[in-house]
Amino acid sequence: LLGWDSTTAYFHYHSDLGSKFNQNYVGGVVGVDNIEVSSNTAQFYHAWIQKGFFKDSLSVLAGLYPVDSEFYVTETSGVFIQPPYGMSNELALTGKAGPPVFPLGALAVRVKYTTPDKNFYAMGALTDGVPGNPNDPHGTQIQLGGGDGTFSIIEFGYTPQEDATDEGAKPDSKEVKESTESFNKIAVGFWRYSGKFDVLDAAGQRHSQGAYFLAERTLATEKGDPSQGLSGFVRFGVASEEVNPLDWTASIGLRYHGLIAGRDDDIAGIAMTVNHASSHLHASEHQETGIEATYRAQIK
């Protein structure tokens, strides 16, 4: 647009409504569904501009941005509807109002570099330490200062490119590219708030920081149709136990695209998440485990 080469502008405005089933009736750390929010409102989730450099191997993004759109993401977990298969709980429950993740973005700058062969990437983001305005959750709120500090996150990933080709088709053909579904990613990340938070069971304050590991992989494909088959993911993250309710979370899951004959576009999956409470948190439960089995049917 406007002759701006290698430039993308993106705006995403959404309205979140409905009752608070987990908040009012369940009270689980895992959560019930990933679109439940604490306050019904409409707001901007994304509002940013991104510029590419060096044949788009380097990109710089600035604006209202949620880190869970790129960081700590496994595509294979996207079929599940419980919250921890988006942003993992040990990070989602940190900070004064959480990091900038659904449903809130924050003012941010994100830089990403991908090698020319697309096998490796490195990216980092610096955001407002308190997304939105905790005292006024309605509408799009941008409030800087007041001791908010910053939230920073970096991720290094390995995404080896592999050709998944159908029998009798050329590797670069349009037919193969449209029908192939392949997952192959390993990444590690680190995050930290610049501000300090109250220690849970003692006087004083500490920084909140953590790290995570994730991997996803296509494990098997059906003969003659690389768009169908079995994929899996694992994720593990840790957070400062002195100031956060969870000190680690682990998730594992499997999904099968086209499990039932004649239902090639359906996806079946099963996943499990374990949330471990910090030893500094006086809670009746030290661990909460959630298991989800889901089946997504493509109607038409």
C-alpha atoms as a PDB file:
ATOM      1  CA  LEU A   1       0.000   0.000   0.000  1.00  0.00           C
ATOM      2  CA  LEU A   2       1.221   3.546  -0.850  1.00  0.00           C
ATOM      3  CA  GLY A   3       4.285   2.052  -2.528  1.00  0.00           C
ATOM      4  CA  TRP A   4       5.797   0.900   0.788  1.00  0.00           C
ATOM      5  CA  ASP A   5       7.762  -2.199  -0.183  1.00  0.00           C
ATOM      6  CA  SER A   6       8.086  -5.041   2.329  1.00  0.00           C
ATOM      7  CA  THR A   7       5.728  -3.260   4.734  1.00  0.00           C
ATOM      8  CA  THR A   8       2.714  -4.725   6.512  1.00  0.00           C
ATOM      9  CA  ALA A   9       0.119  -2.940   8.622  1.00  0.00           C
ATOM     10  CA  TYR A  10      -2.261  -5.059  10.671  1.00  0.00           C
ATOM     11  CA  PHE A  11      -5.291  -4.140  12.795  1.00  0.00           C
ATOM     12  CA  HIS A  12      -7.384  -6.634  14.766  1.00  0.00           C
ATOM     13  CA  TYR A  13     -10.399  -5.404  16.762  1.00  0.00           C
ATOM     14  CA  HIS A  14     -12.495  -7.904  18.699  1.00  0.00           C
ATOM     15  CA  SER A  15     -15.411  -8.074  21.122  1.00  0.00           C
ATOM     16  CA  ASP A  16     -15.397 -10.704  23.867  1.00  0.00           C
ATOM     17  CA  LEU A  17     -18.731 -11.527  25.492  1.00  0.00           C
ATOM     18  CA  GLY A  18     -20.391 -14.319  27.443  1.00  0.00           C
ATOM     19  CA  SER A  19     -20.505 -15.631  30.996  1.00  0.00           C
ATOM     20  CA  LYS A  20     -17.468 -16.511  33.136  1.00  0.00           C
ATOM     21  CA  PHE A  21     -17.821 -20.264  33.517  1.00  0.00           C
ATOM     22  CA  ASN A  22     -14.332 -20.989  34.794  1.00  0.00           C
ATOM     23  CA  GLN A  23     -14.165 -17.837  36.921  1.00  0.00           C
ATOM     24  CA  ASN A  24     -17.576 -18.353  38.566  1.00  0.00           C
ATOM     25  CA  TYR A  25     -18.016 -22.136  38.729  1.00  0.00           C
ATOM     26  CA  VAL A  26     -14.766 -24.040  38.139  1.00  0.00           C
ATOM     27  CA  GLY A  27     -11.847 -21.929  39.352  1.00  0.00           C
ATOM     28  CA  GLY A  28      -9.296 -24.075  37.581  1.00  0.00           C
ATOM     29  CA  VAL A  29      -5.786 -22.970  36.711  1.00  0.00           C
ATOM     30  CA  VAL A  30      -5.995 -24.847  33.412  1.00  0.00           C
ATOM     31  CA  GLY A  31      -9.192 -23.027  32.458  1.00  0.00           C
ATOM     32  CA  VAL A  32     -12.185 -24.203  30.468  1.00  0.00           C
ATOM     33  CA  ASP A  33     -12.029 -22.391  27.132  1.00  0.00           C
ATOM     34  CA  ASN A  34      -9.511 -20.022  25.588  1.00  0.00           C
ATOM     35  CA  ILE A  35     -11.957 -17.198  24.761  1.00  0.00           C
ATOM     36  CA  GLU A  36     -13.181 -16.588  28.313  1.00  0.00           C
ATOM     37  CA  VAL A  37     -12.098 -13.139  29.529  1.00  0.00           C
ATOM     38  CA  SER A  38     -12.414 -11.387  32.888  1.00  0.00           C
ATOM     39  CA  SER A  39     -14.397  -8.398  31.512  1.00  0.00           C
ATOM     40  CA  ASN A  40     -16.770  -8.222  28.556  1.00  0.00           C
ATOM     41  CA  THR A  41     -15.541  -5.480  26.247  1.00  0.00           C
ATOM     42  CA  ALA A  42     -14.445  -4.628  22.716  1.00  0.00           C
ATOM     43  CA  GLN A  43     -10.878  -3.569  22.053  1.00  0.00           C
ATOM     44  CA  PHE A  44      -7.903  -3.620  19.693  1.00  0.00           C
ATOM     45  CA  TYR A  45      -5.779  -6.751  20.015  1.00  0.00           C
ATOM     46  CA  HIS A  46      -3.310  -5.870  17.221  1.00  0.00           C
ATOM     47  CA  ALA A  47      -2.532  -2.454  15.730  1.00  0.00           C
ATOM     48  CA  TRP A  48       0.984  -2.438  14.312  1.00  0.00           C
ATOM     49  CA  ILE A  49       3.205  -1.816  11.298  1.00  0.00           C
ATOM     50  CA  GLN A  50       6.090  -4.050  10.225  1.00  0.00           C
ATOM     51  CA  LYS A  51       8.957  -3.296   7.847  1.00  0.00           C
ATOM     52  CA  GLY A  52      11.138  -5.933   6.181  1.00  0.00           C
ATOM     53  CA  PHE A  53      14.827  -5.549   5.309  1.00  0.00           C
ATOM     54  CA  PHE A  54      17.434  -7.599   3.426  1.00  0.00           C
ATOM     55  CA  LYS A  55      14.911  -9.547   1.347  1.00  0.00           C
ATOM     56  CA  ASP A  56      12.673  -9.853   4.419  1.00  0.00           C
ATOM     57  CA  SER A  57      15.211 -11.860   6.402  1.00  0.00           C
ATOM     58  CA  LEU A  58      15.055  -9.075   9.012  1.00  0.00           C
ATOM     59  CA  SER A  59      11.805  -7.467  10.144  1.00  0.00           C
ATOM     60  CA  VAL A  60      10.995  -4.740  12.656  1.00  0.00           C
ATOM     61  CA  LEU A  61       7.487  -4.367  14.088  1.00  0.00           C
ATOM     62  CA  ALA A  62       6.112  -1.523  16.235  1.00  0.00           C
ATOM     63  CA  GLY A  63       2.689  -0.827  17.701  1.00  0.00           C
ATOM     64  CA  LEU A  64       0.040  -2.566  19.780  1.00  0.00           C
ATOM     65  CA  TYR A  65       1.181  -6.191  19.806  1.00  0.00           C
ATOM     66  CA  PRO A  66       0.460  -9.431  21.750  1.00  0.00           C
ATOM     67  CA  VAL A  67       3.516 -11.638  22.244  1.00  0.00           C
ATOM     68  CA  ASP A  68       1.483 -14.867  22.041  1.00  0.00           C
ATOM     69  CA  SER A  69       0.987 -14.249  18.316  1.00  0.00           C
ATOM     70  CA  GLU A  70       4.620 -15.332  17.686  1.00  0.00           C
ATOM     71  CA  PHE A  71       6.381 -16.313  20.924  1.00  0.00           C
ATOM     72  CA  TYR A  72       5.931 -19.623  22.752  1.00  0.00           C
ATOM     73  CA  VAL A  73       3.712 -20.914  19.919  1.00  0.00           C
ATOM     74  CA  THR A  74       3.153 -24.448  18.633  1.00  0.00           C
ATOM     75  CA  GLU A  75       0.794 -24.761  15.686  1.00  0.00           C
ATOM     76  CA  THR A  76      -0.076 -28.362  16.545  1.00  0.00           C
ATOM     77  CA  SER A  77      -1.665 -27.283  19.839  1.00  0.00           C
ATOM     78  CA  GLY A  78      -4.001 -24.848  18.085  1.00  0.00           C
ATOM     79  CA  VAL A  79      -6.792 -27.412  17.744  1.00  0.00           C
ATOM     80  CA  PHE A  80      -7.318 -27.532  21.519  1.00  0.00           C
ATOM     81  CA  ILE A  81      -9.687 -25.100  23.255  1.00  0.00           C
ATOM     82  CA  GLN A  82      -8.268 -24.940  26.791  1.00  0.00           C
ATOM     83  CA  PRO A  83      -6.162 -21.804  27.504  1.00  0.00           C
ATOM     84  CA  PRO A  84      -2.705 -23.351  28.185  1.00  0.00           C
ATOM     85  CA  TYR A  85      -2.429 -24.576  24.587  1.00  0.00           C
ATOM     86  CA  GLY A  86      -2.157 -20.930  23.601  1.00  0.00           C
ATOM     87  CA  MET A  87       0.071 -19.104  26.078  1.00  0.00           C
ATOM     88  CA  SER A  88       1.352 -21.444  28.776  1.00  0.00           C
ATOM     89  CA  ASN A  89       0.039 -20.765  32.283  1.00  0.00           C
ATOM     90  CA  GLU A  90       3.334 -20.219  34.103  1.00  0.00           C
ATOM     91  CA  LEU A  91       3.877 -17.113  31.934  1.00  0.00           C
ATOM     92  CA  ALA A  92       0.226 -16.113  31.428  1.00  0.00           C
ATOM     93  CA  LEU A  93      -0.291 -15.703  35.207  1.00  0.00           C
ATOM     94  CA  THR A  94       2.671 -13.359  35.770  1.00  0.00           C
ATOM     95  CA  GLY A  95       2.899  -9.586  36.171  1.00  0.00           C
ATOM     96  CA  LYS A  96       0.381  -7.051  37.457  1.00  0.00           C
ATOM     97  CA  ALA A  97      -2.048  -7.747  34.613  1.00  0.00           C
ATOM     98  CA  GLY A  98      -0.297 -10.583  32.804  1.00  0.00           C
ATOM     99  CA  PRO A  99       2.026 -10.219  29.832  1.00  0.00           C
ATOM    100  CA  PRO A 100       0.559  -8.844  26.587  1.00  0.00           C
ATOM    101  CA  VAL A 101      -1.385 -11.929  25.503  1.00  0.00           C
ATOM    102  CA  PHE A 102      -5.015 -12.561  24.513  1.00  0.00           C
ATOM    103  CA  PRO A 103      -7.157 -10.540  24.876  1.00  0.00           C
ATOM    104  CA  LEU A 104      -4.717  -7.613  25.358  1.00  0.00           C
ATOM    105  CA  GLY A 105      -1.868  -6.301  23.284  1.00  0.00           C
ATOM    106  CA  ALA A 106       0.652  -3.722  24.536  1.00  0.00           C
ATOM    107  CA  LEU A 107       2.823  -1.068  22.951  1.00  0.00           C
ATOM    108  CA  ALA A 108       5.852  -2.978  21.737  1.00  0.00           C
ATOM    109  CA  VAL A 109       8.820  -3.222  19.409  1.00  0.00           C
ATOM    110  CA  ARG A 110       9.620  -6.658  17.957  1.00  0.00           C
ATOM    111  CA  VAL A 111      12.690  -7.572  15.876  1.00  0.00           C
ATOM    112  CA  LYS A 112      13.020 -10.907  14.059  1.00  0.00           C
ATOM    113  CA  TYR A 113      15.831 -12.392  11.952  1.00  0.00           C
ATOM    114  CA  THR A 114      15.433 -15.530   9.833  1.00  0.00           C
ATOM    115  CA  THR A 115      18.347 -17.128   7.996  1.00  0.00           C
ATOM    116  CA  PRO A 116      18.036 -17.197   4.185  1.00  0.00           C
ATOM    117  CA  ASP A 117      17.442 -20.961   4.212  1.00  0.00           C
ATOM    118  CA  LYS A 118      14.705 -20.440   6.861  1.00  0.00           C
ATOM    119  CA  ASN A 119      16.256 -23.113   9.082  1.00  0.00           C
ATOM    120  CA  PHE A 120      16.964 -20.788  12.020  1.00  0.00           C
ATOM    121  CA  TYR A 121      15.408 -17.676  13.517  1.00  0.00           C
ATOM    122  CA  ALA A 122      15.956 -15.326  16.432  1.00  0.00           C
ATOM    123  CA  MET A 123      13.447 -12.762  17.664  1.00  0.00           C
ATOM    124  CA  GLY A 124      12.967 -10.455  20.597  1.00  0.00           C
ATOM    125  CA  ALA A 125      10.298  -8.066  21.825  1.00  0.00           C
ATOM    126  CA  LEU A 126      10.199  -5.226  24.347  1.00  0.00           C
ATOM    127  CA  THR A 127       6.723  -4.242  25.554  1.00  0.00           C
ATOM    128  CA  ASP A 128       4.953  -2.169  28.165  1.00  0.00           C
ATOM    129  CA  GLY A 129       5.178  -4.061  31.471  1.00  0.00           C
ATOM    130  CA  VAL A 130       1.438  -3.686  32.209  1.00  0.00           C
ATOM    131  CA  PRO A 131      -0.808  -4.083  29.136  1.00  0.00           C
ATOM    132  CA  GLY A 132      -3.962  -2.000  29.139  1.00  0.00           C
ATOM    133  CA  ASN A 133      -5.174  -0.336  32.331  1.00  0.00           C
ATOM    134  CA  PRO A 134      -5.933  -2.726  35.234  1.00  0.00           C
ATOM    135  CA  ASN A 135      -8.186  -0.064  36.799  1.00  0.00           C
ATOM    136  CA  ASP A 136     -10.293   0.271  33.637  1.00  0.00           C
ATOM    137  CA  PRO A 137     -10.531  -2.974  31.638  1.00  0.00           C
ATOM    138  CA  HIS A 138     -13.092  -1.634  29.150  1.00  0.00           C
ATOM    139  CA  GLY A 139     -12.080  -0.618  25.643  1.00  0.00           C
ATOM    140  CA  THR A 140      -8.576  -0.115  24.310  1.00  0.00           C
ATOM    141  CA  GLN A 141      -6.465   1.346  27.101  1.00  0.00           C
ATOM    142  CA  ILE A 142      -2.838   2.450  26.739  1.00  0.00           C
ATOM    143  CA  GLN A 143      -1.262   3.706  29.940  1.00  0.00           C
ATOM    144  CA  LEU A 144       2.471   4.265  30.270  1.00  0.00           C
ATOM    145  CA  GLY A 145       4.485   5.182  33.338  1.00  0.00           C
ATOM    146  CA  GLY A 146       3.350   4.744  36.912  1.00  0.00           C
ATOM    147  CA  GLY A 147       6.004   2.139  37.572  1.00  0.00           C
ATOM    148  CA  ASP A 148       4.822  -0.194  34.798  1.00  0.00           C
ATOM    149  CA  GLY A 149       8.355  -1.028  33.703  1.00  0.00           C
ATOM    150  CA  THR A 150       8.861  -3.260  30.686  1.00  0.00           C
ATOM    151  CA  PHE A 151       8.412  -6.881  29.668  1.00  0.00           C
ATOM    152  CA  SER A 152      11.057  -8.439  27.420  1.00  0.00           C
ATOM    153  CA  ILE A 153      11.121 -11.809  25.687  1.00  0.00           C
ATOM    154  CA  ILE A 154      13.527 -13.493  23.284  1.00  0.00           C
ATOM    155  CA  GLU A 155      13.255 -16.763  21.373  1.00  0.00           C
ATOM    156  CA  PHE A 156      15.720 -18.817  19.313  1.00  0.00           C
ATOM    157  CA  GLY A 157      14.312 -21.449  16.997  1.00  0.00           C
ATOM    158  CA  TYR A 158      15.323 -24.229  14.619  1.00  0.00           C
ATOM    159  CA  THR A 159      12.831 -24.937  11.833  1.00  0.00           C
ATOM    160  CA  PRO A 160      14.518 -27.320   9.356  1.00  0.00           C
ATOM    161  CA  GLN A 161      12.855 -27.223   5.975  1.00  0.00           C
ATOM    162  CA  GLU A 162      11.820 -30.615   4.665  1.00  0.00           C
ATOM    163  CA  ASP A 163      10.077 -31.556   1.438  1.00  0.00           C
ATOM    164  CA  ALA A 164       6.908 -33.562   1.907  1.00  0.00           C
ATOM    165  CA  THR A 165       5.833 -34.655  -1.547  1.00  0.00           C
ATOM    166  CA  ASP A 166       2.921 -36.634  -2.851  1.00  0.00           C
ATOM    167  CA  GLU A 167       3.561 -39.650  -5.049  1.00  0.00           C
ATOM    168  CA  GLY A 168       3.742 -38.733  -8.697  1.00  0.00           C
ATOM    169  CA  ALA A 169       3.870 -34.978  -8.056  1.00  0.00           C
ATOM    170  CA  LYS A 170       6.818 -32.677  -8.556  1.00  0.00           C
ATOM    171  CA  PRO A 171       8.319 -31.332  -5.275  1.00  0.00           C
ATOM    172  CA  ASP A 172       7.724 -27.690  -6.228  1.00  0.00           C
ATOM    173  CA  SER A 173       4.304 -28.164  -7.734  1.00  0.00           C
ATOM    174  CA  LYS A 174       1.343 -26.101  -6.581  1.00  0.00           C
ATOM    175  CA  GLU A 175      -0.568 -29.319  -5.895  1.00  0.00           C
ATOM    176  CA  VAL A 176       1.977 -30.511  -3.330  1.00  0.00           C
ATOM    177  CA  LYS A 177       2.435 -27.147  -1.598  1.00  0.00           C
ATOM    178  CA  GLU A 178      -1.321 -26.768  -1.073  1.00  0.00           C
ATOM    179  CA  SER A 179      -1.807 -30.294   0.284  1.00  0.00           C
ATOM    180  CA  THR A 180       1.241 -30.621   2.544  1.00  0.00           C
ATOM    181  CA  GLU A 181       0.969 -30.139   6.302  1.00  0.00           C
ATOM    182  CA  SER A 182       4.328 -30.482   8.018  1.00  0.00           C
ATOM    183  CA  PHE A 183       5.483 -29.394  11.490  1.00  0.00           C
ATOM    184  CA  ASN A 184       9.142 -29.271  12.470  1.00  0.00           C
ATOM    185  CA  LYS A 185      10.228 -26.793  15.121  1.00  0.00           C
ATOM    186  CA  ILE A 186      12.404 -26.615  18.212  1.00  0.00           C
ATOM    187  CA  ALA A 187      12.761 -23.396  20.209  1.00  0.00           C
ATOM    188  CA  VAL A 188      13.932 -21.985  23.524  1.00  0.00           C
ATOM    189  CA  GLY A 189      12.909 -18.674  25.007  1.00  0.00           C
ATOM    190  CA  PHE A 190      13.621 -16.383  27.930  1.00  0.00           C
ATOM    191  CA  TRP A 191      11.509 -13.580  29.437  1.00  0.00           C
ATOM    192  CA  ARG A 192      11.816 -10.986  32.206  1.00  0.00           C
ATOM    193  CA  TYR A 193       9.996  -8.015  33.751  1.00  0.00           C
ATOM    194  CA  SER A 194      12.119  -4.968  34.545  1.00  0.00           C
ATOM    195  CA  GLY A 195      10.012  -4.153  37.601  1.00  0.00           C
ATOM    196  CA  LYS A 196       9.958  -6.024  40.898  1.00  0.00           C
ATOM    197  CA  PHE A 197       7.051  -7.825  42.560  1.00  0.00           C
ATOM    198  CA  ASP A 198       6.162  -8.668  46.144  1.00  0.00           C
ATOM    199  CA  VAL A 199       7.437 -12.018  47.422  1.00  0.00           C
ATOM    200  CA  LEU A 200       4.483 -14.322  48.062  1.00  0.00           C
ATOM    201  CA  ASP A 201       5.235 -15.444  51.614  1.00  0.00           C
ATOM    202  CA  ALA A 202       7.784 -12.963  52.932  1.00  0.00           C
ATOM    203  CA  ALA A 203       8.796  -9.334  52.933  1.00  0.00           C
ATOM    204  CA  GLY A 204      10.739  -7.898  50.038  1.00  0.00           C
ATOM    205  CA  GLN A 205      10.520  -7.823  46.272  1.00  0.00           C
ATOM    206  CA  ARG A 206      12.057  -9.841  43.445  1.00  0.00           C
ATOM    207  CA  HIS A 207      12.238  -9.761  39.656  1.00  0.00           C
ATOM    208  CA  SER A 208       9.920 -12.040  37.699  1.00  0.00           C
ATOM    209  CA  GLN A 209      11.606 -14.033  34.972  1.00  0.00           C
ATOM    210  CA  GLY A 210      11.555 -17.413  33.320  1.00  0.00           C
ATOM    211  CA  ALA A 211      12.455 -19.664  30.421  1.00  0.00           C
ATOM    212  CA  TYR A 212      10.747 -22.199  28.172  1.00  0.00           C
ATOM    213  CA  PHE A 213      11.342 -24.994  25.680  1.00  0.00           C
ATOM    214  CA  LEU A 214       9.043 -26.229  22.940  1.00  0.00           C
ATOM    215  CA  ALA A 215       9.134 -28.739  20.133  1.00  0.00           C
ATOM    216  CA  GLU A 216       6.644 -29.974  17.567  1.00  0.00           C
ATOM    217  CA  ARG A 217       7.033 -32.537  14.846  1.00  0.00           C
ATOM    218  CA  THR A 218       5.134 -34.396  12.151  1.00  0.00           C
ATOM    219  CA  LEU A 219       5.500 -37.983  13.320  1.00  0.00           C
ATOM    220  CA  ALA A 220       3.878 -39.854  10.436  1.00  0.00           C
ATOM    221  CA  THR A 221       2.027 -39.082   7.210  1.00  0.00           C
ATOM    222  CA  GLU A 222      -0.386 -41.196   5.248  1.00  0.00           C
ATOM    223  CA  LYS A 223       1.008 -42.753   2.121  1.00  0.00           C
ATOM    224  CA  GLY A 224       0.068 -40.721  -0.911  1.00  0.00           C
ATOM    225  CA  ASP A 225      -1.348 -37.796   1.092  1.00  0.00           C
ATOM    226  CA  PRO A 226       1.159 -35.738   3.129  1.00  0.00           C
ATOM    227  CA  SER A 227      -1.639 -33.464   4.340  1.00  0.00           C
ATOM    228  CA  GLN A 228      -2.877 -36.246   6.624  1.00  0.00           C
ATOM    229  CA  GLY A 229      -1.106 -37.883   9.521  1.00  0.00           C
ATOM    230  CA  LEU A 230       0.049 -37.713  13.119  1.00  0.00           C
ATOM    231  CA  SER A 231       1.804 -34.729  14.742  1.00  0.00           C
ATOM    232  CA  GLY A 232       2.813 -33.992  18.306  1.00  0.00           C
ATOM    233  CA  PHE A 233       4.156 -31.272  20.569  1.00  0.00           C
ATOM    234  CA  VAL A 234       5.845 -30.829  23.949  1.00  0.00           C
ATOM    235  CA  ARG A 235       6.277 -27.615  25.951  1.00  0.00           C
ATOM    236  CA  PHE A 236       7.902 -26.895  29.298  1.00  0.00           C
ATOM    237  CA  GLY A 237       8.349 -23.558  31.051  1.00  0.00           C
ATOM    238  CA  VAL A 238       9.595 -22.258  34.401  1.00  0.00           C
ATOM    239  CA  ALA A 239       8.938 -18.988  36.270  1.00  0.00           C
ATOM    240  CA  SER A 240      10.347 -17.326  39.387  1.00  0.00           C
ATOM    241  CA  GLU A 241       8.670 -19.192  42.247  1.00  0.00           C
ATOM    242  CA  GLU A 242       9.129 -16.394  44.819  1.00  0.00           C
ATOM    243  CA  VAL A 243       6.684 -14.017  43.079  1.00  0.00           C
ATOM    244  CA  ASN A 244       4.509 -16.173  40.785  1.00  0.00           C
ATOM    245  CA  PRO A 245       1.698 -18.647  41.572  1.00  0.00           C
ATOM    246  CA  LEU A 246       3.168 -21.331  39.269  1.00  0.00           C
ATOM    247  CA  ASP A 247       6.834 -22.266  39.094  1.00  0.00           C
ATOM    248  CA  TRP A 248       6.554 -24.657  36.142  1.00  0.00           C
ATOM    249  CA  THR A 249       4.100 -25.936  33.566  1.00  0.00           C
ATOM    250  CA  ALA A 250       4.437 -28.859  31.150  1.00  0.00           C
ATOM    251  CA  SER A 251       2.231 -29.805  28.192  1.00  0.00           C
ATOM    252  CA  ILE A 252       2.226 -32.678  25.727  1.00  0.00           C
ATOM    253  CA  GLY A 253      -0.190 -33.520  22.956  1.00  0.00           C
ATOM    254  CA  LEU A 254      -0.947 -35.478  19.801  1.00  0.00           C
ATOM    255  CA  ARG A 255      -3.224 -34.650  16.881  1.00  0.00           C
ATOM    256  CA  TYR A 256      -4.221 -36.659  13.819  1.00  0.00           C
ATOM    257  CA  HIS A 257      -5.409 -34.988  10.626  1.00  0.00           C
ATOM    258  CA  GLY A 258      -7.784 -37.344   8.815  1.00  0.00           C
ATOM    259  CA  LEU A 259      -8.041 -40.092  11.416  1.00  0.00           C
ATOM    260  CA  ILE A 260     -11.318 -41.551  10.108  1.00  0.00           C
ATOM    261  CA  ALA A 261     -11.509 -42.845   6.530  1.00  0.00           C
ATOM    262  CA  GLY A 262     -13.637 -40.555   4.408  1.00  0.00           C
ATOM    263  CA  ARG A 263     -13.215 -37.661   6.870  1.00  0.00           C
ATOM    264  CA  ASP A 264      -9.925 -36.322   5.481  1.00  0.00           C
ATOM    265  CA  ASP A 265     -10.345 -32.755   6.767  1.00  0.00           C
ATOM    266  CA  ASP A 266     -11.253 -33.643  10.368  1.00  0.00           C
ATOM    267  CA  ILE A 267      -8.700 -33.360  13.201  1.00  0.00           C
ATOM    268  CA  ALA A 268      -8.639 -35.477  16.374  1.00  0.00           C
ATOM    269  CA  GLY A 269      -6.408 -34.657  19.315  1.00  0.00           C
ATOM    270  CA  ILE A 270      -5.536 -35.418  22.908  1.00  0.00           C
ATOM    271  CA  ALA A 271      -3.348 -33.312  25.209  1.00  0.00           C
ATOM    272  CA  MET A 272      -2.355 -32.994  28.854  1.00  0.00           C
ATOM    273  CA  THR A 273      -1.073 -30.049  30.883  1.00  0.00           C
ATOM    274  CA  VAL A 274       0.448 -30.133  34.370  1.00  0.00           C
ATOM    275  CA  ASN A 275       0.566 -26.877  36.364  1.00  0.00           C
ATOM    276  CA  HIS A 276       2.819 -26.923  39.433  1.00  0.00           C
ATOM    277  CA  ALA A 277       2.153 -24.386  42.204  1.00  0.00           C
ATOM    278  CA  SER A 278       5.029 -22.423  43.671  1.00  0.00           C
ATOM    279  CA  SER A 279       6.216 -23.640  47.087  1.00  0.00           C
ATOM    280  CA  HIS A 280       5.845 -20.020  48.254  1.00  0.00           C
ATOM    281  CA  LEU A 281       2.099 -20.081  47.545  1.00  0.00           C
ATOM    282  CA  HIS A 282      -0.089 -21.269  50.431  1.00  0.00           C
ATOM    283  CA  ALA A 283      -2.587 -23.327  48.461  1.00  0.00           C
ATOM    284  CA  SER A 284      -4.563 -26.481  49.127  1.00  0.00           C
ATOM    285  CA  GLU A 285      -3.515 -27.882  45.760  1.00  0.00           C
ATOM    286  CA  HIS A 286       0.146 -28.119  44.785  1.00  0.00           C
ATOM    287  CA  GLN A 287      -0.534 -29.380  41.279  1.00  0.00           C
ATOM    288  CA  GLU A 288      -3.352 -29.292  38.768  1.00  0.00           C
ATOM    289  CA  THR A 289      -3.537 -31.554  35.742  1.00  0.00           C
ATOM    290  CA  GLY A 290      -5.890 -31.047  32.823  1.00  0.00           C
ATOM    291  CA  ILE A 291      -6.583 -33.507  30.012  1.00  0.00           C
ATOM    292  CA  GLU A 292      -8.417 -32.542  26.836  1.00  0.00           C
ATOM    293  CA  ALA A 293      -9.682 -34.798  24.077  1.00  0.00           C
ATOM    294  CA  THR A 294     -11.143 -32.995  21.099  1.00  0.00           C
ATOM    295  CA  TYR A 295     -12.481 -33.745  17.645  1.00  0.00           C
ATOM    296  CA  ARG A 296     -12.928 -31.025  15.054  1.00  0.00           C
ATOM    297  CA  ALA A 297     -15.243 -31.930  12.194  1.00  0.00           C
ATOM    298  CA  GLN A 298     -15.067 -29.982   8.946  1.00  0.00           C
ATOM    299  CA  ILE A 299     -18.737 -29.673   7.960  1.00  0.00           C
ATOM    300  CA  LYS A 300     -18.336 -28.384   4.427  1.00  0.00           C
END
